[in-house]
Amino acid sequence: MVKFVGIAGSLRPNSYSQLALGLVCDRLGALGADVEQLDLREMNLPLCHGGKDYPDHPDVERLRQAFLEADGFVLVTPEYHGSVSGVLKNALDLMSFDQLDGKVAGAVSILGGQSNNNALNDLRTILRWVHTWVVPEQVAIGQAWQAFDDQGKIVDEKLSQRLDGLAQSLYDNTRKLRGVD
């Protein structure tokens, strides 16, 4: 069975990034994947100092282990100042090639304004550097404050279908690239 882990780079309560992560992870689960969501708001992660050991922070090992055991992952980032959130970048910086090399990733960005691809392009660059395969499908959710209904579902049907397409591509390509049945 193909295994995924997902994280969202937002620490805000009622985070749209967390909502989007939940939707993609639910869709992966419906396809038959084993999916684990880690909530960075509940983890005690230090700022990365470039070292390998963080003995006072067991959640670093928990993060690393989850990514090590996964075949692929979902990353959702709010776009802050035209790029990836510091929270997500820090979580990725706490990992190494051991956890990220050869894995397959899907990416979603959340924006308060109009949809664009700045954060997604930066995320692709970061992931390419650590030899992660990023599926071609990606989703930018602009004007997030009106993109979700009261139940946390995507209002726009075409945007919802794009999330479906991202999940399907991530599932299919991870199975192929990782050789998982």
N, C-alpha and C. Protein backbone atom coordinates (compact mmCIF):
# COMPACT_ATOMS: atom_id res chain seq x y z
N MET A 1 0.84 -1.18 0.00
CA MET A 1 0.00 0.00 0.00
C MET A 1 0.88 1.24 0.00
N VAL A 2 0.51 2.22 -0.80
CA VAL A 2 1.27 3.46 -0.89
C VAL A 2 0.97 4.32 0.34
N LYS A 3 2.03 4.93 0.88
CA LYS A 3 1.90 5.70 2.12
C LYS A 3 2.30 7.14 1.90
N PHE A 4 1.46 8.05 2.41
CA PHE A 4 1.71 9.49 2.30
C PHE A 4 1.71 10.14 3.68
N VAL A 5 2.44 11.24 3.77
CA VAL A 5 2.38 12.11 4.93
C VAL A 5 2.11 13.51 4.42
N GLY A 6 1.35 14.28 5.18
CA GLY A 6 1.04 15.63 4.77
C GLY A 6 1.26 16.63 5.88
N ILE A 7 1.78 17.81 5.51
CA ILE A 7 1.92 18.91 6.46
C ILE A 7 1.50 20.21 5.78
N ALA A 8 1.01 21.12 6.61
CA ALA A 8 0.65 22.46 6.15
C ALA A 8 1.51 23.46 6.89
N GLY A 9 2.00 24.44 6.17
CA GLY A 9 2.92 25.42 6.74
C GLY A 9 2.23 26.63 7.34
N SER A 10 1.17 26.41 8.09
CA SER A 10 0.47 27.51 8.75
C SER A 10 0.25 27.14 10.21
N LEU A 11 0.50 28.08 11.09
CA LEU A 11 0.27 27.87 12.52
C LEU A 11 -1.02 28.54 12.99
N ARG A 12 -1.75 29.15 12.09
CA ARG A 12 -2.95 29.91 12.45
C ARG A 12 -4.10 28.98 12.81
N PRO A 13 -4.84 29.32 13.88
CA PRO A 13 -6.08 28.58 14.16
C PRO A 13 -7.03 28.77 12.98
N ASN A 14 -7.87 27.80 12.71
CA ASN A 14 -8.81 27.86 11.59
C ASN A 14 -8.11 28.13 10.26
N SER A 15 -6.98 27.50 10.08
CA SER A 15 -6.12 27.70 8.92
C SER A 15 -6.72 27.13 7.64
N TYR A 16 -6.74 27.94 6.58
CA TYR A 16 -7.17 27.45 5.27
C TYR A 16 -6.18 26.42 4.74
N SER A 17 -4.93 26.56 5.09
CA SER A 17 -3.92 25.58 4.66
C SER A 17 -4.23 24.22 5.25
N GLN A 18 -4.61 24.19 6.52
CA GLN A 18 -4.98 22.93 7.16
C GLN A 18 -6.24 22.33 6.52
N LEU A 19 -7.20 23.19 6.17
CA LEU A 19 -8.41 22.70 5.50
C LEU A 19 -8.06 22.05 4.17
N ALA A 20 -7.23 22.73 3.38
CA ALA A 20 -6.84 22.19 2.07
C ALA A 20 -6.07 20.89 2.24
N LEU A 21 -5.18 20.83 3.21
CA LEU A 21 -4.42 19.61 3.46
C LEU A 21 -5.38 18.46 3.78
N GLY A 22 -6.35 18.72 4.63
CA GLY A 22 -7.32 17.68 4.98
C GLY A 22 -8.09 17.17 3.77
N LEU A 23 -8.46 18.08 2.87
CA LEU A 23 -9.19 17.68 1.67
C LEU A 23 -8.34 16.78 0.77
N VAL A 24 -7.09 17.16 0.54
CA VAL A 24 -6.22 16.33 -0.32
C VAL A 24 -5.95 14.99 0.35
N CYS A 25 -5.69 15.00 1.64
CA CYS A 25 -5.42 13.73 2.34
C CYS A 25 -6.65 12.82 2.33
N ASP A 26 -7.84 13.40 2.48
CA ASP A 26 -9.07 12.60 2.41
C ASP A 26 -9.20 11.94 1.03
N ARG A 27 -8.88 12.69 0.00
CA ARG A 27 -8.98 12.17 -1.37
C ARG A 27 -7.95 11.08 -1.61
N LEU A 28 -6.76 11.22 -1.06
CA LEU A 28 -5.75 10.16 -1.18
C LEU A 28 -6.23 8.91 -0.44
N GLY A 29 -6.80 9.09 0.73
CA GLY A 29 -7.33 7.96 1.48
C GLY A 29 -8.44 7.24 0.72
N ALA A 30 -9.30 8.00 0.04
CA ALA A 30 -10.38 7.41 -0.74
C ALA A 30 -9.85 6.60 -1.92
N LEU A 31 -8.64 6.93 -2.38
CA LEU A 31 -8.01 6.18 -3.47
C LEU A 31 -7.35 4.89 -2.97
N GLY A 32 -7.27 4.72 -1.65
CA GLY A 32 -6.70 3.51 -1.08
C GLY A 32 -5.34 3.69 -0.44
N ALA A 33 -4.90 4.93 -0.30
CA ALA A 33 -3.59 5.19 0.31
C ALA A 33 -3.68 5.21 1.83
N ASP A 34 -2.57 4.92 2.46
CA ASP A 34 -2.40 5.11 3.90
C ASP A 34 -1.87 6.54 4.06
N VAL A 35 -2.59 7.39 4.79
CA VAL A 35 -2.24 8.80 4.88
C VAL A 35 -2.12 9.23 6.34
N GLU A 36 -1.02 9.93 6.64
CA GLU A 36 -0.81 10.49 7.97
C GLU A 36 -0.67 12.00 7.83
N GLN A 37 -1.47 12.73 8.59
CA GLN A 37 -1.34 14.18 8.62
C GLN A 37 -0.62 14.56 9.90
N LEU A 38 0.41 15.36 9.77
CA LEU A 38 1.09 15.92 10.93
C LEU A 38 0.68 17.39 11.03
N ASP A 39 0.32 17.81 12.22
CA ASP A 39 -0.09 19.19 12.44
C ASP A 39 1.06 19.94 13.09
N LEU A 40 1.72 20.79 12.32
CA LEU A 40 2.87 21.53 12.83
C LEU A 40 2.49 22.45 13.98
N ARG A 41 1.21 22.79 14.11
CA ARG A 41 0.75 23.62 15.22
C ARG A 41 0.85 22.86 16.54
N GLU A 42 0.85 21.54 16.47
CA GLU A 42 0.90 20.71 17.68
C GLU A 42 2.28 20.15 17.95
N MET A 43 3.23 20.48 17.09
CA MET A 43 4.59 19.95 17.25
C MET A 43 5.51 21.04 17.79
N ASN A 44 6.50 20.63 18.54
CA ASN A 44 7.49 21.56 19.07
C ASN A 44 8.77 21.41 18.25
N LEU A 45 8.82 22.17 17.16
CA LEU A 45 9.98 22.11 16.27
C LEU A 45 10.83 23.36 16.47
N PRO A 46 12.14 23.18 16.65
CA PRO A 46 13.02 24.34 16.79
C PRO A 46 13.32 24.95 15.43
N LEU A 47 13.87 26.14 15.44
CA LEU A 47 14.40 26.69 14.20
C LEU A 47 15.62 25.87 13.82
N CYS A 48 15.72 25.54 12.56
CA CYS A 48 16.83 24.73 12.08
C CYS A 48 18.14 25.51 12.24
N HIS A 49 19.13 24.85 12.85
CA HIS A 49 20.44 25.48 13.00
C HIS A 49 21.50 24.81 12.13
N GLY A 50 21.07 23.89 11.29
CA GLY A 50 21.99 23.23 10.37
C GLY A 50 22.63 21.97 10.91
N GLY A 51 22.40 21.67 12.19
CA GLY A 51 22.95 20.44 12.77
C GLY A 51 22.05 19.26 12.49
N LYS A 52 22.56 18.09 12.85
CA LYS A 52 21.79 16.86 12.63
C LYS A 52 20.97 16.44 13.83
N ASP A 53 21.38 16.85 15.01
CA ASP A 53 20.74 16.37 16.23
C ASP A 53 19.98 17.48 16.95
N TYR A 54 18.79 17.13 17.40
CA TYR A 54 17.94 18.04 18.16
C TYR A 54 17.40 17.27 19.36
N PRO A 55 18.29 16.89 20.31
CA PRO A 55 17.89 16.00 21.40
C PRO A 55 16.77 16.56 22.30
N ASP A 56 16.63 17.86 22.37
CA ASP A 56 15.59 18.46 23.21
C ASP A 56 14.26 18.61 22.48
N HIS A 57 14.21 18.09 21.26
CA HIS A 57 13.01 18.25 20.43
C HIS A 57 12.64 16.91 19.78
N PRO A 58 11.95 16.03 20.53
CA PRO A 58 11.58 14.72 19.97
C PRO A 58 10.66 14.80 18.75
N ASP A 59 9.97 15.93 18.59
CA ASP A 59 9.10 16.05 17.42
C ASP A 59 9.89 16.14 16.12
N VAL A 60 11.17 16.52 16.19
CA VAL A 60 12.00 16.51 14.99
C VAL A 60 12.15 15.08 14.50
N GLU A 61 12.40 14.16 15.43
CA GLU A 61 12.52 12.75 15.05
C GLU A 61 11.18 12.21 14.56
N ARG A 62 10.10 12.63 15.18
CA ARG A 62 8.76 12.20 14.73
C ARG A 62 8.50 12.66 13.30
N LEU A 63 8.84 13.91 12.98
CA LEU A 63 8.70 14.45 11.63
C LEU A 63 9.56 13.67 10.65
N ARG A 64 10.82 13.49 11.00
CA ARG A 64 11.75 12.77 10.13
C ARG A 64 11.31 11.34 9.89
N GLN A 65 10.85 10.67 10.93
CA GLN A 65 10.43 9.27 10.80
C GLN A 65 9.21 9.14 9.91
N ALA A 66 8.25 10.06 10.06
CA ALA A 66 7.04 10.01 9.23
C ALA A 66 7.40 10.18 7.76
N PHE A 67 8.30 11.10 7.45
CA PHE A 67 8.70 11.31 6.05
C PHE A 67 9.58 10.17 5.55
N LEU A 68 10.40 9.61 6.40
CA LEU A 68 11.25 8.49 6.02
C LEU A 68 10.39 7.29 5.61
N GLU A 69 9.32 7.03 6.34
CA GLU A 69 8.46 5.87 6.09
C GLU A 69 7.48 6.08 4.94
N ALA A 70 7.29 7.32 4.51
CA ALA A 70 6.32 7.62 3.46
C ALA A 70 6.92 7.43 2.08
N ASP A 71 6.07 7.09 1.13
CA ASP A 71 6.46 7.02 -0.27
C ASP A 71 6.35 8.39 -0.92
N GLY A 72 5.43 9.19 -0.41
CA GLY A 72 5.19 10.52 -0.96
C GLY A 72 4.59 11.42 0.08
N PHE A 73 4.45 12.68 -0.28
CA PHE A 73 3.89 13.62 0.68
C PHE A 73 3.15 14.76 0.01
N VAL A 74 2.30 15.40 0.82
CA VAL A 74 1.53 16.56 0.41
C VAL A 74 2.01 17.73 1.24
N LEU A 75 2.33 18.82 0.57
CA LEU A 75 2.75 20.04 1.25
C LEU A 75 1.78 21.16 0.87
N VAL A 76 1.27 21.84 1.87
CA VAL A 76 0.40 22.98 1.64
C VAL A 76 1.03 24.18 2.32
N THR A 77 1.17 25.26 1.58
CA THR A 77 1.77 26.46 2.15
C THR A 77 0.91 27.68 1.90
N PRO A 78 0.76 28.51 2.94
CA PRO A 78 0.22 29.82 2.65
C PRO A 78 1.32 30.60 1.92
N GLU A 79 0.92 31.52 1.09
CA GLU A 79 1.94 32.36 0.44
C GLU A 79 2.11 33.62 1.26
N TYR A 80 3.31 33.77 1.81
CA TYR A 80 3.66 34.96 2.59
C TYR A 80 4.73 35.73 1.85
N HIS A 81 4.47 36.99 1.58
CA HIS A 81 5.43 37.86 0.89
C HIS A 81 5.96 37.22 -0.39
N GLY A 82 5.07 36.56 -1.11
CA GLY A 82 5.41 36.01 -2.42
C GLY A 82 6.16 34.70 -2.40
N SER A 83 6.16 33.97 -1.28
CA SER A 83 6.91 32.72 -1.24
C SER A 83 6.32 31.75 -0.22
N VAL A 84 7.06 30.69 0.00
CA VAL A 84 6.71 29.62 0.94
C VAL A 84 6.77 30.17 2.37
N SER A 85 5.90 29.68 3.22
CA SER A 85 5.92 30.12 4.63
C SER A 85 7.21 29.65 5.32
N GLY A 86 7.67 30.43 6.25
CA GLY A 86 8.85 30.08 7.03
C GLY A 86 8.64 28.80 7.82
N VAL A 87 7.41 28.57 8.26
CA VAL A 87 7.08 27.37 9.04
C VAL A 87 7.33 26.11 8.20
N LEU A 88 6.85 26.13 6.95
CA LEU A 88 7.05 24.96 6.08
C LEU A 88 8.52 24.82 5.70
N LYS A 89 9.16 25.92 5.38
CA LYS A 89 10.59 25.86 5.01
C LYS A 89 11.41 25.32 6.17
N ASN A 90 11.12 25.75 7.38
CA ASN A 90 11.85 25.25 8.54
C ASN A 90 11.65 23.74 8.72
N ALA A 91 10.41 23.27 8.56
CA ALA A 91 10.15 21.83 8.70
C ALA A 91 10.95 21.05 7.66
N LEU A 92 10.99 21.55 6.43
CA LEU A 92 11.78 20.88 5.39
C LEU A 92 13.28 20.95 5.70
N ASP A 93 13.73 22.07 6.23
CA ASP A 93 15.14 22.22 6.57
C ASP A 93 15.57 21.27 7.69
N LEU A 94 14.65 20.89 8.55
CA LEU A 94 14.97 19.96 9.64
C LEU A 94 15.15 18.52 9.13
N MET A 95 14.78 18.29 7.87
CA MET A 95 14.95 16.97 7.28
C MET A 95 16.14 16.98 6.33
N SER A 96 16.48 15.80 5.82
CA SER A 96 17.63 15.69 4.92
C SER A 96 17.25 14.82 3.73
N PHE A 97 18.23 14.53 2.92
CA PHE A 97 18.02 13.65 1.79
C PHE A 97 17.45 12.30 2.24
N ASP A 98 17.81 11.86 3.44
CA ASP A 98 17.30 10.57 3.94
C ASP A 98 15.78 10.52 3.90
N GLN A 99 15.14 11.62 4.24
CA GLN A 99 13.68 11.65 4.31
C GLN A 99 13.03 12.08 2.99
N LEU A 100 13.75 12.79 2.12
CA LEU A 100 13.12 13.45 0.98
C LEU A 100 13.55 12.93 -0.39
N ASP A 101 14.73 12.39 -0.49
CA ASP A 101 15.28 11.94 -1.78
C ASP A 101 14.45 10.79 -2.35
N GLY A 102 14.05 10.93 -3.62
CA GLY A 102 13.33 9.87 -4.30
C GLY A 102 11.86 9.77 -3.98
N LYS A 103 11.38 10.65 -3.12
CA LYS A 103 9.96 10.65 -2.77
C LYS A 103 9.19 11.46 -3.82
N VAL A 104 7.87 11.38 -3.76
CA VAL A 104 7.01 12.09 -4.71
C VAL A 104 6.14 13.05 -3.91
N ALA A 105 6.01 14.28 -4.40
CA ALA A 105 5.27 15.29 -3.66
C ALA A 105 4.20 15.96 -4.51
N GLY A 106 3.17 16.39 -3.82
CA GLY A 106 2.13 17.24 -4.39
C GLY A 106 2.10 18.53 -3.60
N ALA A 107 1.78 19.65 -4.27
CA ALA A 107 1.85 20.95 -3.62
C ALA A 107 0.60 21.77 -3.85
N VAL A 108 0.21 22.48 -2.79
CA VAL A 108 -0.93 23.39 -2.82
C VAL A 108 -0.50 24.68 -2.13
N SER A 109 -0.93 25.82 -2.68
CA SER A 109 -0.68 27.09 -1.99
C SER A 109 -2.01 27.76 -1.69
N ILE A 110 -2.00 28.55 -0.64
CA ILE A 110 -3.17 29.27 -0.18
C ILE A 110 -2.83 30.76 -0.19
N LEU A 111 -3.70 31.55 -0.79
CA LEU A 111 -3.44 32.98 -0.90
C LEU A 111 -4.65 33.77 -0.44
N GLY A 112 -4.41 34.91 0.17
CA GLY A 112 -5.49 35.81 0.54
C GLY A 112 -5.99 36.60 -0.65
N GLY A 113 -5.10 36.84 -1.61
CA GLY A 113 -5.46 37.60 -2.80
C GLY A 113 -5.63 36.69 -4.00
N GLN A 114 -5.34 37.24 -5.16
CA GLN A 114 -5.49 36.49 -6.41
C GLN A 114 -4.50 35.33 -6.47
N SER A 115 -4.94 34.28 -7.12
CA SER A 115 -4.13 33.08 -7.30
C SER A 115 -2.91 33.37 -8.17
N ASN A 116 -1.75 32.85 -7.76
CA ASN A 116 -0.53 32.89 -8.57
C ASN A 116 0.31 31.68 -8.19
N ASN A 117 1.46 31.54 -8.80
CA ASN A 117 2.29 30.35 -8.57
C ASN A 117 3.62 30.63 -7.89
N ASN A 118 3.79 31.79 -7.28
CA ASN A 118 5.09 32.12 -6.68
C ASN A 118 5.54 31.10 -5.64
N ALA A 119 4.71 30.84 -4.65
CA ALA A 119 5.09 29.90 -3.60
C ALA A 119 5.27 28.49 -4.15
N LEU A 120 4.41 28.11 -5.09
CA LEU A 120 4.51 26.78 -5.68
C LEU A 120 5.81 26.63 -6.47
N ASN A 121 6.19 27.64 -7.21
CA ASN A 121 7.46 27.58 -7.95
C ASN A 121 8.64 27.50 -7.00
N ASP A 122 8.62 28.29 -5.92
CA ASP A 122 9.70 28.22 -4.94
C ASP A 122 9.75 26.85 -4.27
N LEU A 123 8.59 26.30 -3.97
CA LEU A 123 8.53 24.98 -3.34
C LEU A 123 9.10 23.92 -4.28
N ARG A 124 8.80 24.01 -5.56
CA ARG A 124 9.37 23.09 -6.54
C ARG A 124 10.90 23.17 -6.55
N THR A 125 11.43 24.38 -6.48
CA THR A 125 12.89 24.56 -6.46
C THR A 125 13.50 23.90 -5.23
N ILE A 126 12.89 24.12 -4.08
CA ILE A 126 13.38 23.52 -2.83
C ILE A 126 13.36 22.00 -2.94
N LEU A 127 12.25 21.45 -3.41
CA LEU A 127 12.10 20.00 -3.48
C LEU A 127 13.02 19.38 -4.54
N ARG A 128 13.21 20.07 -5.64
CA ARG A 128 14.14 19.56 -6.66
C ARG A 128 15.56 19.48 -6.08
N TRP A 129 15.92 20.42 -5.24
CA TRP A 129 17.25 20.45 -4.64
C TRP A 129 17.51 19.21 -3.78
N VAL A 130 16.46 18.68 -3.17
CA VAL A 130 16.62 17.48 -2.31
C VAL A 130 16.16 16.22 -3.03
N HIS A 131 16.06 16.29 -4.36
CA HIS A 131 15.76 15.15 -5.23
C HIS A 131 14.39 14.53 -5.01
N THR A 132 13.41 15.39 -4.73
CA THR A 132 12.03 14.96 -4.62
C THR A 132 11.35 15.17 -5.97
N TRP A 133 10.55 14.20 -6.39
CA TRP A 133 9.78 14.31 -7.63
C TRP A 133 8.47 15.03 -7.30
N VAL A 134 8.22 16.14 -7.94
CA VAL A 134 6.98 16.88 -7.72
C VAL A 134 6.07 16.65 -8.92
N VAL A 135 4.84 16.20 -8.66
CA VAL A 135 3.91 15.95 -9.77
C VAL A 135 3.61 17.26 -10.49
N PRO A 136 3.31 17.19 -11.79
CA PRO A 136 3.06 18.42 -12.54
C PRO A 136 1.82 19.18 -12.09
N GLU A 137 0.81 18.46 -11.61
CA GLU A 137 -0.40 19.13 -11.14
C GLU A 137 -0.10 19.87 -9.84
N GLN A 138 -0.62 21.05 -9.72
CA GLN A 138 -0.51 21.83 -8.50
C GLN A 138 -1.75 22.69 -8.40
N VAL A 139 -2.05 23.13 -7.19
CA VAL A 139 -3.26 23.93 -6.99
C VAL A 139 -2.93 25.14 -6.15
N ALA A 140 -3.29 26.31 -6.66
CA ALA A 140 -3.19 27.56 -5.91
C ALA A 140 -4.62 28.01 -5.61
N ILE A 141 -4.92 28.16 -4.34
CA ILE A 141 -6.27 28.56 -3.92
C ILE A 141 -6.22 30.03 -3.54
N GLY A 142 -6.65 30.88 -4.46
CA GLY A 142 -6.68 32.31 -4.23
C GLY A 142 -7.93 32.72 -3.47
N GLN A 143 -7.85 33.91 -2.85
CA GLN A 143 -8.95 34.45 -2.05
C GLN A 143 -9.55 33.37 -1.15
N ALA A 144 -8.67 32.76 -0.38
CA ALA A 144 -9.05 31.61 0.45
C ALA A 144 -10.20 31.92 1.40
N TRP A 145 -10.33 33.15 1.80
CA TRP A 145 -11.39 33.54 2.72
C TRP A 145 -12.78 33.30 2.14
N GLN A 146 -12.88 33.14 0.81
CA GLN A 146 -14.18 32.84 0.22
C GLN A 146 -14.18 31.54 -0.57
N ALA A 147 -13.09 30.79 -0.53
CA ALA A 147 -12.96 29.55 -1.31
C ALA A 147 -13.59 28.34 -0.61
N PHE A 148 -13.78 28.43 0.71
CA PHE A 148 -14.29 27.31 1.50
C PHE A 148 -15.67 27.64 2.06
N ASP A 149 -16.53 26.61 2.16
CA ASP A 149 -17.83 26.83 2.79
C ASP A 149 -17.71 26.59 4.30
N ASP A 150 -18.82 26.67 5.00
CA ASP A 150 -18.83 26.52 6.47
C ASP A 150 -18.41 25.13 6.93
N GLN A 151 -18.49 24.14 6.05
CA GLN A 151 -18.08 22.78 6.40
C GLN A 151 -16.64 22.50 5.98
N GLY A 152 -15.95 23.50 5.46
CA GLY A 152 -14.55 23.33 5.07
C GLY A 152 -14.36 22.72 3.69
N LYS A 153 -15.39 22.73 2.88
CA LYS A 153 -15.30 22.20 1.52
C LYS A 153 -15.06 23.33 0.54
N ILE A 154 -14.45 23.00 -0.60
CA ILE A 154 -14.20 23.98 -1.65
C ILE A 154 -15.52 24.35 -2.31
N VAL A 155 -15.76 25.63 -2.47
CA VAL A 155 -17.01 26.12 -3.05
C VAL A 155 -17.02 25.94 -4.57
N ASP A 156 -15.93 26.27 -5.23
CA ASP A 156 -15.86 26.22 -6.69
C ASP A 156 -15.64 24.79 -7.17
N GLU A 157 -16.54 24.28 -7.99
CA GLU A 157 -16.47 22.89 -8.46
C GLU A 157 -15.21 22.62 -9.27
N LYS A 158 -14.80 23.56 -10.12
CA LYS A 158 -13.59 23.36 -10.93
C LYS A 158 -12.35 23.29 -10.05
N LEU A 159 -12.30 24.11 -9.02
CA LEU A 159 -11.18 24.06 -8.08
C LEU A 159 -11.18 22.74 -7.32
N SER A 160 -12.35 22.28 -6.94
CA SER A 160 -12.47 20.98 -6.27
C SER A 160 -11.98 19.85 -7.18
N GLN A 161 -12.32 19.93 -8.46
CA GLN A 161 -11.86 18.93 -9.43
C GLN A 161 -10.34 18.99 -9.60
N ARG A 162 -9.76 20.17 -9.49
CA ARG A 162 -8.30 20.28 -9.58
C ARG A 162 -7.64 19.60 -8.38
N LEU A 163 -8.25 19.71 -7.20
CA LEU A 163 -7.72 19.00 -6.03
C LEU A 163 -7.82 17.50 -6.23
N ASP A 164 -8.94 17.05 -6.83
CA ASP A 164 -9.10 15.63 -7.17
C ASP A 164 -7.98 15.19 -8.11
N GLY A 165 -7.72 16.00 -9.14
CA GLY A 165 -6.68 15.69 -10.12
C GLY A 165 -5.30 15.64 -9.49
N LEU A 166 -5.03 16.55 -8.57
CA LEU A 166 -3.76 16.54 -7.86
C LEU A 166 -3.61 15.25 -7.06
N ALA A 167 -4.65 14.90 -6.31
CA ALA A 167 -4.59 13.67 -5.50
C ALA A 167 -4.41 12.44 -6.38
N GLN A 168 -5.14 12.37 -7.49
CA GLN A 168 -5.03 11.22 -8.39
C GLN A 168 -3.63 11.13 -8.98
N SER A 169 -3.10 12.25 -9.44
CA SER A 169 -1.75 12.26 -10.01
C SER A 169 -0.70 11.87 -8.98
N LEU A 170 -0.83 12.41 -7.78
CA LEU A 170 0.12 12.08 -6.72
C LEU A 170 0.06 10.59 -6.39
N TYR A 171 -1.14 10.05 -6.29
CA TYR A 171 -1.32 8.64 -5.99
C TYR A 171 -0.71 7.77 -7.11
N ASP A 172 -1.11 8.04 -8.35
CA ASP A 172 -0.66 7.22 -9.48
C ASP A 172 0.85 7.32 -9.68
N ASN A 173 1.37 8.53 -9.67
CA ASN A 173 2.81 8.71 -9.92
C ASN A 173 3.67 8.19 -8.78
N THR A 174 3.19 8.27 -7.57
CA THR A 174 3.94 7.72 -6.44
C THR A 174 4.02 6.20 -6.57
N ARG A 175 2.91 5.58 -6.93
CA ARG A 175 2.92 4.13 -7.11
C ARG A 175 3.91 3.73 -8.20
N LYS A 176 3.93 4.47 -9.31
CA LYS A 176 4.84 4.16 -10.40
C LYS A 176 6.29 4.40 -10.03
N LEU A 177 6.57 5.60 -9.54
CA LEU A 177 7.96 5.98 -9.28
C LEU A 177 8.56 5.23 -8.09
N ARG A 178 7.74 4.86 -7.14
CA ARG A 178 8.25 4.15 -5.96
C ARG A 178 8.07 2.63 -6.08
N GLY A 179 7.39 2.17 -7.13
CA GLY A 179 7.19 0.74 -7.33
C GLY A 179 6.33 0.09 -6.25
N VAL A 180 5.28 0.81 -5.84
CA VAL A 180 4.40 0.33 -4.76
C VAL A 180 3.07 -0.12 -5.38
N ASP A 181 2.58 -1.26 -4.94
CA ASP A 181 1.26 -1.75 -5.40
C ASP A 181 0.16 -1.23 -4.53
